[in-house]
Amino acid sequence: MQTDVPRPILKGKKALVVGIANEHSIAYGCARAFREVGADLALTYLNEKAKPHVAPLASELEAAMLLPLDVARPGELEAVFDRITREWGRLDILVHSIAFAPREDLQGGLLNCSAAGFSVAMDISCHSFIRMALLAAPLMKEGGTLFAMSYHGAQKVVPNYNVMGPVKAALEAVCRYLAYELGPRKIRVHAISPGPLKTRAAGGLKDFDRMLNDAVQRSPIGELVDIMDVGFTCAFLATPFARRLTGQTVYVDGGADIMA
């Protein structure tokens, strides 16, 4: 994917991007866009199995830090922010791009979703963003921007999205309430709602290829978005150009969300 390199309007800003699994990840698009406009990066990887896929990307992006982070493991999230505090002493941008539901609960329909599966999906996909915000806010001494990744299935029923629909709806509400609570500290919060993208996480959704085809047909632009479209949207929202915007669910879907 070739992009015209903009001027480094985020030069010197410190960005933590959580959720890179490989070069197709939305989080990678965000990290790459931030880097292209001058930000310094801290990246995370889920576990040792994932590290070989993420480490080359971190090297390519000249990331200052590459840290393990499984939000379900006690202490790992705190360790990430401890390291950022020691190395940087501040943070300007945070991207939360992680989601998970047990496969049997994701593919079995909402009626059949177990309480345990719903709890896991909500904790990892939603509540972990609140925990990150709590740790990030003290480091955003001069303000900052927080991002969480959502999907149109939070607002409208998307067949086969199942339990993730209510979970992403909760995540969007969390973004609005955090925007309210953190606004006096000049910290802005947005939910980003991309159109369907061919990521590893999307592979767990039934009939995902149909969702891609539907997105092209519904979009006024008639094209799928890519991870750099999402990344540069986040980069824009993190700049002073967007300093009066907060609490929004921002669609990056070629206009598909406006269609009846």
C-alpha atoms as a PDB file:
ATOM      1  CA  MET A   1       0.000   0.000   0.000  1.00  0.00           C
ATOM      2  CA  GLN A   2       1.617   3.254  -1.139  1.00  0.00           C
ATOM      3  CA  THR A   3       0.774   6.469   0.677  1.00  0.00           C
ATOM      4  CA  ASP A   4       1.885  10.040   0.236  1.00  0.00           C
ATOM      5  CA  VAL A   5       3.923  10.817   3.335  1.00  0.00           C
ATOM      6  CA  PRO A   6       2.381  13.844   5.098  1.00  0.00           C
ATOM      7  CA  ARG A   7       4.390  16.367   7.063  1.00  0.00           C
ATOM      8  CA  PRO A   8       5.300  15.140  10.544  1.00  0.00           C
ATOM      9  CA  ILE A   9       2.499  16.869  12.435  1.00  0.00           C
ATOM     10  CA  LEU A  10       2.725  14.330  15.287  1.00  0.00           C
ATOM     11  CA  LYS A  11       6.515  14.576  15.567  1.00  0.00           C
ATOM     12  CA  GLY A  12       7.588  13.811  19.126  1.00  0.00           C
ATOM     13  CA  LYS A  13       4.192  12.516  20.212  1.00  0.00           C
ATOM     14  CA  LYS A  14       4.192   9.200  22.056  1.00  0.00           C
ATOM     15  CA  ALA A  15       1.732   6.544  20.886  1.00  0.00           C
ATOM     16  CA  LEU A  16       0.910   3.149  22.390  1.00  0.00           C
ATOM     17  CA  VAL A  17      -0.746   0.800  19.893  1.00  0.00           C
ATOM     18  CA  VAL A  18      -2.261  -2.407  21.256  1.00  0.00           C
ATOM     19  CA  GLY A  19      -3.454  -5.212  19.033  1.00  0.00           C
ATOM     20  CA  ILE A  20      -1.002  -5.858  16.199  1.00  0.00           C
ATOM     21  CA  ALA A  21      -1.099  -9.519  15.181  1.00  0.00           C
ATOM     22  CA  ASN A  22       0.382  -9.206  11.678  1.00  0.00           C
ATOM     23  CA  GLU A  23       0.718  -6.799   8.764  1.00  0.00           C
ATOM     24  CA  HIS A  24      -3.034  -7.058   8.053  1.00  0.00           C
ATOM     25  CA  SER A  25      -4.069  -5.825  11.497  1.00  0.00           C
ATOM     26  CA  ILE A  26      -5.961  -2.563  11.913  1.00  0.00           C
ATOM     27  CA  ALA A  27      -3.539  -1.770  14.730  1.00  0.00           C
ATOM     28  CA  TYR A  28      -0.625  -2.054  12.287  1.00  0.00           C
ATOM     29  CA  GLY A  29      -2.317   0.444   9.968  1.00  0.00           C
ATOM     30  CA  CYS A  30      -2.677   2.826  12.904  1.00  0.00           C
ATOM     31  CA  ALA A  31       0.936   2.371  14.000  1.00  0.00           C
ATOM     32  CA  ARG A  32       2.223   2.872  10.475  1.00  0.00           C
ATOM     33  CA  ALA A  33       0.141   6.010   9.980  1.00  0.00           C
ATOM     34  CA  PHE A  34       1.293   7.486  13.303  1.00  0.00           C
ATOM     35  CA  ARG A  35       4.895   6.769  12.393  1.00  0.00           C
ATOM     36  CA  GLU A  36       4.519   8.362   8.962  1.00  0.00           C
ATOM     37  CA  VAL A  37       3.422  11.607  10.621  1.00  0.00           C
ATOM     38  CA  GLY A  38       6.263  11.548  13.127  1.00  0.00           C
ATOM     39  CA  ALA A  39       5.008   9.847  16.302  1.00  0.00           C
ATOM     40  CA  ASP A  40       7.192   7.590  18.437  1.00  0.00           C
ATOM     41  CA  LEU A  41       5.721   4.123  18.982  1.00  0.00           C
ATOM     42  CA  ALA A  42       5.309   1.566  21.713  1.00  0.00           C
ATOM     43  CA  LEU A  43       3.772  -1.674  20.439  1.00  0.00           C
ATOM     44  CA  THR A  44       2.555  -4.859  22.093  1.00  0.00           C
ATOM     45  CA  TYR A  45       2.314  -8.515  21.160  1.00  0.00           C
ATOM     46  CA  LEU A  46      -0.081 -11.046  22.671  1.00  0.00           C
ATOM     47  CA  ASN A  47       2.342 -13.857  23.604  1.00  0.00           C
ATOM     48  CA  GLU A  48       5.534 -15.635  22.556  1.00  0.00           C
ATOM     49  CA  LYS A  49       3.706 -17.361  19.705  1.00  0.00           C
ATOM     50  CA  ALA A  50       2.687 -13.987  18.300  1.00  0.00           C
ATOM     51  CA  LYS A  51       6.020 -12.230  18.852  1.00  0.00           C
ATOM     52  CA  PRO A  52       7.783 -13.492  15.678  1.00  0.00           C
ATOM     53  CA  HIS A  53       4.960 -12.003  13.592  1.00  0.00           C
ATOM     54  CA  VAL A  54       5.004  -8.639  15.365  1.00  0.00           C
ATOM     55  CA  ALA A  55       8.721  -8.104  16.023  1.00  0.00           C
ATOM     56  CA  PRO A  56       9.665  -7.501  12.348  1.00  0.00           C
ATOM     57  CA  LEU A  57       6.866  -4.939  12.066  1.00  0.00           C
ATOM     58  CA  ALA A  58       8.070  -3.197  15.205  1.00  0.00           C
ATOM     59  CA  SER A  59      11.564  -3.063  13.728  1.00  0.00           C
ATOM     60  CA  GLU A  60      10.264  -1.711  10.419  1.00  0.00           C
ATOM     61  CA  LEU A  61       8.371   1.037  12.273  1.00  0.00           C
ATOM     62  CA  GLU A  62      11.360   1.807  14.517  1.00  0.00           C
ATOM     63  CA  ALA A  63       9.240   1.233  17.600  1.00  0.00           C
ATOM     64  CA  ALA A  64      10.889   2.390  20.796  1.00  0.00           C
ATOM     65  CA  MET A  65       9.267  -0.434  22.763  1.00  0.00           C
ATOM     66  CA  LEU A  66       7.822  -3.862  21.994  1.00  0.00           C
ATOM     67  CA  LEU A  67       6.099  -5.308  25.031  1.00  0.00           C
ATOM     68  CA  PRO A  68       4.086  -8.453  25.846  1.00  0.00           C
ATOM     69  CA  LEU A  69       0.442  -7.813  26.648  1.00  0.00           C
ATOM     70  CA  ASP A  70      -2.383 -10.233  27.259  1.00  0.00           C
ATOM     71  CA  VAL A  71      -5.031  -8.163  29.052  1.00  0.00           C
ATOM     72  CA  ALA A  72      -6.454 -11.358  30.570  1.00  0.00           C
ATOM     73  CA  ARG A  73      -3.200 -12.012  32.435  1.00  0.00           C
ATOM     74  CA  PRO A  74      -2.957 -10.143  35.760  1.00  0.00           C
ATOM     75  CA  GLY A  75      -0.185  -7.595  35.896  1.00  0.00           C
ATOM     76  CA  GLU A  76       0.728  -7.463  32.205  1.00  0.00           C
ATOM     77  CA  LEU A  77      -1.212  -4.281  31.471  1.00  0.00           C
ATOM     78  CA  GLU A  78       0.292  -2.548  34.482  1.00  0.00           C
ATOM     79  CA  ALA A  79       3.767  -3.661  33.389  1.00  0.00           C
ATOM     80  CA  VAL A  80       3.289  -2.015  29.978  1.00  0.00           C
ATOM     81  CA  PHE A  81       2.407   1.310  31.542  1.00  0.00           C
ATOM     82  CA  ASP A  82       5.200   1.026  34.099  1.00  0.00           C
ATOM     83  CA  ARG A  83       7.665   0.654  31.228  1.00  0.00           C
ATOM     84  CA  ILE A  84       6.170   3.613  29.352  1.00  0.00           C
ATOM     85  CA  THR A  85       6.393   5.693  32.515  1.00  0.00           C
ATOM     86  CA  ARG A  86      10.065   4.808  32.945  1.00  0.00           C
ATOM     87  CA  GLU A  87      11.036   5.237  29.283  1.00  0.00           C
ATOM     88  CA  TRP A  88       8.897   8.185  28.230  1.00  0.00           C
ATOM     89  CA  GLY A  89       7.261   9.650  31.323  1.00  0.00           C
ATOM     90  CA  ARG A  90       4.226  10.580  29.225  1.00  0.00           C
ATOM     91  CA  LEU A  91       1.774   9.345  26.619  1.00  0.00           C
ATOM     92  CA  ASP A  92      -0.188  11.222  23.951  1.00  0.00           C
ATOM     93  CA  ILE A  93      -2.058   8.541  21.991  1.00  0.00           C
ATOM     94  CA  LEU A  94      -3.520   5.143  22.844  1.00  0.00           C
ATOM     95  CA  VAL A  95      -5.070   2.694  20.379  1.00  0.00           C
ATOM     96  CA  HIS A  96      -7.059  -0.241  21.749  1.00  0.00           C
ATOM     97  CA  SER A  97      -7.575  -2.685  18.875  1.00  0.00           C
ATOM     98  CA  ILE A  98      -8.251  -6.001  20.586  1.00  0.00           C
ATOM     99  CA  ALA A  99     -11.373  -8.146  20.714  1.00  0.00           C
ATOM    100  CA  PHE A 100     -12.089 -11.742  21.582  1.00  0.00           C
ATOM    101  CA  ALA A 101     -14.963 -14.125  22.144  1.00  0.00           C
ATOM    102  CA  PRO A 102     -14.728 -17.914  22.475  1.00  0.00           C
ATOM    103  CA  ARG A 103     -15.417 -19.422  19.068  1.00  0.00           C
ATOM    104  CA  GLU A 104     -18.381 -21.483  20.238  1.00  0.00           C
ATOM    105  CA  ASP A 105     -20.006 -18.390  21.744  1.00  0.00           C
ATOM    106  CA  LEU A 106     -19.196 -16.220  18.731  1.00  0.00           C
ATOM    107  CA  GLN A 107     -20.550 -18.634  16.131  1.00  0.00           C
ATOM    108  CA  GLY A 108     -23.509 -20.051  18.040  1.00  0.00           C
ATOM    109  CA  GLY A 109     -25.817 -17.036  17.950  1.00  0.00           C
ATOM    110  CA  LEU A 110     -26.611 -14.681  20.800  1.00  0.00           C
ATOM    111  CA  LEU A 111     -29.311 -16.884  22.324  1.00  0.00           C
ATOM    112  CA  ASN A 112     -26.800 -19.669  22.789  1.00  0.00           C
ATOM    113  CA  CYS A 113     -23.976 -17.492  24.119  1.00  0.00           C
ATOM    114  CA  SER A 114     -22.907 -18.717  27.545  1.00  0.00           C
ATOM    115  CA  ALA A 115     -22.594 -16.379  30.509  1.00  0.00           C
ATOM    116  CA  ALA A 116     -18.911 -17.249  30.732  1.00  0.00           C
ATOM    117  CA  GLY A 117     -18.357 -16.534  27.032  1.00  0.00           C
ATOM    118  CA  PHE A 118     -20.220 -13.234  27.233  1.00  0.00           C
ATOM    119  CA  SER A 119     -18.142 -12.225  30.245  1.00  0.00           C
ATOM    120  CA  VAL A 120     -14.865 -13.035  28.496  1.00  0.00           C
ATOM    121  CA  ALA A 121     -15.907 -11.125  25.368  1.00  0.00           C
ATOM    122  CA  MET A 122     -16.936  -8.104  27.411  1.00  0.00           C
ATOM    123  CA  ASP A 123     -13.816  -8.114  29.571  1.00  0.00           C
ATOM    124  CA  ILE A 124     -11.261  -8.397  26.778  1.00  0.00           C
ATOM    125  CA  SER A 125     -13.074  -6.415  24.097  1.00  0.00           C
ATOM    126  CA  CYS A 126     -14.556  -3.650  26.245  1.00  0.00           C
ATOM    127  CA  HIS A 127     -13.582  -3.397  29.894  1.00  0.00           C
ATOM    128  CA  SER A 128      -9.878  -3.654  29.082  1.00  0.00           C
ATOM    129  CA  PHE A 129     -10.237  -0.282  27.335  1.00  0.00           C
ATOM    130  CA  ILE A 130     -11.444   1.249  30.594  1.00  0.00           C
ATOM    131  CA  ARG A 131      -8.464  -0.259  32.399  1.00  0.00           C
ATOM    132  CA  MET A 132      -6.111   1.139  29.777  1.00  0.00           C
ATOM    133  CA  ALA A 133      -7.703   4.575  30.013  1.00  0.00           C
ATOM    134  CA  LEU A 134      -7.263   4.562  33.788  1.00  0.00           C
ATOM    135  CA  LEU A 135      -3.543   3.882  33.406  1.00  0.00           C
ATOM    136  CA  ALA A 136      -3.048   6.178  30.416  1.00  0.00           C
ATOM    137  CA  ALA A 137      -4.786   9.266  31.785  1.00  0.00           C
ATOM    138  CA  PRO A 138      -2.119  10.183  34.383  1.00  0.00           C
ATOM    139  CA  LEU A 139       0.515  10.059  31.625  1.00  0.00           C
ATOM    140  CA  MET A 140      -1.485  12.419  29.384  1.00  0.00           C
ATOM    141  CA  LYS A 141      -0.485  15.464  31.375  1.00  0.00           C
ATOM    142  CA  GLU A 142      -1.024  17.854  28.473  1.00  0.00           C
ATOM    143  CA  GLY A 143      -4.008  16.019  27.029  1.00  0.00           C
ATOM    144  CA  GLY A 144      -4.183  13.154  24.574  1.00  0.00           C
ATOM    145  CA  THR A 145      -6.391  10.937  22.458  1.00  0.00           C
ATOM    146  CA  LEU A 146      -7.758   7.444  23.106  1.00  0.00           C
ATOM    147  CA  PHE A 147      -9.125   5.195  20.359  1.00  0.00           C
ATOM    148  CA  ALA A 148     -11.115   1.955  20.466  1.00  0.00           C
ATOM    149  CA  MET A 149     -12.117  -0.103  17.432  1.00  0.00           C
ATOM    150  CA  SER A 150     -15.795  -0.845  16.862  1.00  0.00           C
ATOM    151  CA  TYR A 151     -17.937  -2.018  13.926  1.00  0.00           C
ATOM    152  CA  HIS A 152     -21.321  -1.168  12.366  1.00  0.00           C
ATOM    153  CA  GLY A 153     -22.753  -4.269  14.061  1.00  0.00           C
ATOM    154  CA  ALA A 154     -22.788  -2.232  17.281  1.00  0.00           C
ATOM    155  CA  GLN A 155     -25.547  -0.019  15.872  1.00  0.00           C
ATOM    156  CA  LYS A 156     -27.403  -2.264  13.433  1.00  0.00           C
ATOM    157  CA  VAL A 157     -27.919  -6.014  13.287  1.00  0.00           C
ATOM    158  CA  VAL A 158     -25.279  -7.661  11.115  1.00  0.00           C
ATOM    159  CA  PRO A 159     -26.040 -11.356  10.573  1.00  0.00           C
ATOM    160  CA  ASN A 160     -23.467 -13.645  12.205  1.00  0.00           C
ATOM    161  CA  TYR A 161     -21.870 -10.845  14.235  1.00  0.00           C
ATOM    162  CA  ASN A 162     -23.727 -12.317  17.208  1.00  0.00           C
ATOM    163  CA  VAL A 163     -22.340 -11.564  20.687  1.00  0.00           C
ATOM    164  CA  MET A 164     -19.884  -9.004  19.382  1.00  0.00           C
ATOM    165  CA  GLY A 165     -22.762  -6.689  18.470  1.00  0.00           C
ATOM    166  CA  PRO A 166     -23.797  -6.035  22.089  1.00  0.00           C
ATOM    167  CA  VAL A 167     -20.146  -6.001  23.176  1.00  0.00           C
ATOM    168  CA  LYS A 168     -19.171  -3.363  20.607  1.00  0.00           C
ATOM    169  CA  ALA A 169     -22.294  -1.351  21.479  1.00  0.00           C
ATOM    170  CA  ALA A 170     -21.057  -1.307  25.064  1.00  0.00           C
ATOM    171  CA  LEU A 171     -17.598  -0.255  23.850  1.00  0.00           C
ATOM    172  CA  GLU A 172     -19.044   2.704  21.942  1.00  0.00           C
ATOM    173  CA  ALA A 173     -20.965   3.768  25.054  1.00  0.00           C
ATOM    174  CA  VAL A 174     -17.777   3.453  27.094  1.00  0.00           C
ATOM    175  CA  CYS A 175     -16.056   5.826  24.663  1.00  0.00           C
ATOM    176  CA  ARG A 176     -18.781   8.432  25.137  1.00  0.00           C
ATOM    177  CA  TYR A 177     -18.695   8.223  28.929  1.00  0.00           C
ATOM    178  CA  LEU A 178     -14.893   8.305  29.039  1.00  0.00           C
ATOM    179  CA  ALA A 179     -14.963  11.337  26.740  1.00  0.00           C
ATOM    180  CA  TYR A 180     -17.205  13.036  29.290  1.00  0.00           C
ATOM    181  CA  GLU A 181     -15.091  12.081  32.296  1.00  0.00           C
ATOM    182  CA  LEU A 182     -11.732  12.834  30.684  1.00  0.00           C
ATOM    183  CA  GLY A 183     -12.740  15.964  28.786  1.00  0.00           C
ATOM    184  CA  PRO A 184     -11.705  18.332  31.601  1.00  0.00           C
ATOM    185  CA  ARG A 185      -8.203  16.829  31.365  1.00  0.00           C
ATOM    186  CA  LYS A 186      -8.087  17.581  27.621  1.00  0.00           C
ATOM    187  CA  ILE A 187      -8.153  13.868  26.813  1.00  0.00           C
ATOM    188  CA  ARG A 188     -10.363  13.032  23.854  1.00  0.00           C
ATOM    189  CA  VAL A 189     -11.894   9.618  23.203  1.00  0.00           C
ATOM    190  CA  HIS A 190     -13.246   8.137  19.979  1.00  0.00           C
ATOM    191  CA  ALA A 191     -14.699   4.863  18.784  1.00  0.00           C
ATOM    192  CA  ILE A 192     -13.554   4.098  15.236  1.00  0.00           C
ATOM    193  CA  SER A 193     -15.929   1.982  13.155  1.00  0.00           C
ATOM    194  CA  PRO A 194     -14.211   0.643  10.026  1.00  0.00           C
ATOM    195  CA  GLY A 195     -15.941  -1.236   7.271  1.00  0.00           C
ATOM    196  CA  PRO A 196     -15.152  -4.955   6.996  1.00  0.00           C
ATOM    197  CA  LEU A 197     -11.435  -5.657   6.683  1.00  0.00           C
ATOM    198  CA  LYS A 198      -9.576  -8.879   6.020  1.00  0.00           C
ATOM    199  CA  THR A 199      -7.952  -9.249   9.423  1.00  0.00           C
ATOM    200  CA  ARG A 200      -7.152 -12.408  11.350  1.00  0.00           C
ATOM    201  CA  ALA A 201      -9.878 -11.632  13.881  1.00  0.00           C
ATOM    202  CA  ALA A 202     -12.486 -11.322  11.125  1.00  0.00           C
ATOM    203  CA  GLY A 203     -11.714 -14.874  10.071  1.00  0.00           C
ATOM    204  CA  GLY A 204     -13.722 -16.109  13.041  1.00  0.00           C
ATOM    205  CA  LEU A 205     -16.953 -14.642  11.668  1.00  0.00           C
ATOM    206  CA  LYS A 206     -19.245 -16.880   9.659  1.00  0.00           C
ATOM    207  CA  ASP A 207     -19.818 -15.825   6.005  1.00  0.00           C
ATOM    208  CA  PHE A 208     -17.255 -13.036   6.278  1.00  0.00           C
ATOM    209  CA  ASP A 209     -16.679 -12.985   2.504  1.00  0.00           C
ATOM    210  CA  ARG A 210     -20.349 -12.144   2.087  1.00  0.00           C
ATOM    211  CA  MET A 211     -19.926  -9.234   4.488  1.00  0.00           C
ATOM    212  CA  LEU A 212     -17.058  -7.931   2.322  1.00  0.00           C
ATOM    213  CA  ASN A 213     -19.142  -8.161  -0.851  1.00  0.00           C
ATOM    214  CA  ASP A 214     -22.098  -6.462   0.810  1.00  0.00           C
ATOM    215  CA  ALA A 215     -19.842  -3.636   2.014  1.00  0.00           C
ATOM    216  CA  VAL A 216     -18.652  -2.931  -1.544  1.00  0.00           C
ATOM    217  CA  GLN A 217     -22.188  -2.951  -2.893  1.00  0.00           C
ATOM    218  CA  ARG A 218     -23.508  -0.673  -0.145  1.00  0.00           C
ATOM    219  CA  SER A 219     -20.695   1.855  -0.173  1.00  0.00           C
ATOM    220  CA  PRO A 220     -21.305   5.028  -2.204  1.00  0.00           C
ATOM    221  CA  ILE A 221     -17.597   4.960  -3.045  1.00  0.00           C
ATOM    222  CA  GLY A 222     -17.898   1.333  -4.159  1.00  0.00           C
ATOM    223  CA  GLU A 223     -14.629   0.231  -2.595  1.00  0.00           C
ATOM    224  CA  LEU A 224     -13.458  -1.544   0.523  1.00  0.00           C
ATOM    225  CA  VAL A 225     -11.459   0.479   3.015  1.00  0.00           C
ATOM    226  CA  ASP A 226      -8.005  -0.646   4.080  1.00  0.00           C
ATOM    227  CA  ILE A 227      -6.029  -0.456   7.291  1.00  0.00           C
ATOM    228  CA  MET A 228      -4.245   2.735   6.239  1.00  0.00           C
ATOM    229  CA  ASP A 229      -7.593   4.483   5.789  1.00  0.00           C
ATOM    230  CA  VAL A 230      -8.301   3.664   9.424  1.00  0.00           C
ATOM    231  CA  GLY A 231      -4.792   4.622  10.510  1.00  0.00           C
ATOM    232  CA  PHE A 232      -4.797   8.047   8.900  1.00  0.00           C
ATOM    233  CA  THR A 233      -8.258   8.771  10.298  1.00  0.00           C
ATOM    234  CA  CYS A 234      -6.870   8.122  13.771  1.00  0.00           C
ATOM    235  CA  ALA A 235      -3.788  10.186  12.994  1.00  0.00           C
ATOM    236  CA  PHE A 236      -5.976  13.119  11.967  1.00  0.00           C
ATOM    237  CA  LEU A 237      -8.089  12.821  15.107  1.00  0.00           C
ATOM    238  CA  ALA A 238      -4.930  12.868  17.230  1.00  0.00           C
ATOM    239  CA  THR A 239      -3.758  16.167  15.723  1.00  0.00           C
ATOM    240  CA  PRO A 240      -4.662  19.706  16.813  1.00  0.00           C
ATOM    241  CA  PHE A 241      -6.880  19.886  13.716  1.00  0.00           C
ATOM    242  CA  ALA A 242      -9.397  17.733  15.627  1.00  0.00           C
ATOM    243  CA  ARG A 243      -8.934  19.338  19.036  1.00  0.00           C
ATOM    244  CA  ARG A 244     -12.658  20.053  19.498  1.00  0.00           C
ATOM    245  CA  LEU A 245     -13.831  16.567  18.522  1.00  0.00           C
ATOM    246  CA  THR A 246     -14.478  13.923  21.162  1.00  0.00           C
ATOM    247  CA  GLY A 247     -16.879  11.146  22.061  1.00  0.00           C
ATOM    248  CA  GLN A 248     -17.684  10.321  18.450  1.00  0.00           C
ATOM    249  CA  THR A 249     -18.171   7.020  16.695  1.00  0.00           C
ATOM    250  CA  VAL A 250     -16.292   7.719  13.479  1.00  0.00           C
ATOM    251  CA  TYR A 251     -17.185   5.537  10.501  1.00  0.00           C
ATOM    252  CA  VAL A 252     -14.407   4.677   8.069  1.00  0.00           C
ATOM    253  CA  ASP A 253     -16.432   2.622   5.616  1.00  0.00           C
ATOM    254  CA  GLY A 254     -16.725   4.504   2.344  1.00  0.00           C
ATOM    255  CA  GLY A 255     -20.127   5.805   3.408  1.00  0.00           C
ATOM    256  CA  ALA A 256     -21.794   2.398   3.741  1.00  0.00           C
ATOM    257  CA  ASP A 257     -23.272   3.387   7.128  1.00  0.00           C
ATOM    258  CA  ILE A 258     -25.436   6.135   5.549  1.00  0.00           C
ATOM    259  CA  MET A 259     -27.318   3.666   3.361  1.00  0.00           C
ATOM    260  CA  ALA A 260     -30.750   2.318   4.280  1.00  0.00           C
END
